[in-house]
Amino acid sequence: MFYKLTTTRINIIRVLHEKMDFKTNIQNI
């Protein structure tokens, strides 16, 4: 159970980072 929670948290963080990278890429263009 705890392991599953940590993995979902890592996935959420990864998605957030990808969105942030996407924003910065748009600003850079």
Protein backbone atom coordinates (compact mmCIF):
# COMPACT_ATOMS: atom_id res chain seq x y z
CA MET A 1 0.00 0.00 0.00
CA PHE A 2 2.67 2.50 1.03
CA TYR A 3 4.79 1.51 -1.96
CA LYS A 4 1.88 2.13 -4.29
CA LEU A 5 1.36 5.58 -2.81
CA THR A 6 4.98 6.53 -3.33
CA THR A 7 4.95 5.34 -6.94
CA THR A 8 1.85 7.38 -7.75
CA ARG A 9 3.45 10.40 -6.09
CA ILE A 10 6.56 9.93 -8.23
CA ASN A 11 4.37 9.67 -11.34
CA ILE A 12 2.55 12.89 -10.42
CA ILE A 13 5.85 14.69 -9.87
CA ARG A 14 7.11 13.39 -13.21
CA VAL A 15 4.00 14.65 -15.02
CA LEU A 16 4.30 18.03 -13.31
CA HIS A 17 7.94 18.30 -14.39
CA GLU A 18 7.01 17.41 -17.96
CA LYS A 19 4.33 20.12 -17.97
CA MET A 20 6.83 22.65 -16.61
CA ASP A 21 9.35 21.68 -19.29
CA PHE A 22 6.63 22.05 -21.89
CA LYS A 23 5.84 25.57 -20.65
CA THR A 24 9.49 26.62 -20.70
CA ASN A 25 9.92 25.18 -24.19
CA ILE A 26 6.99 27.26 -25.45
CA GLN A 27 8.45 30.38 -23.82
CA ASN A 28 11.85 29.68 -25.37
CA ILE A 29 10.45 29.41 -28.92
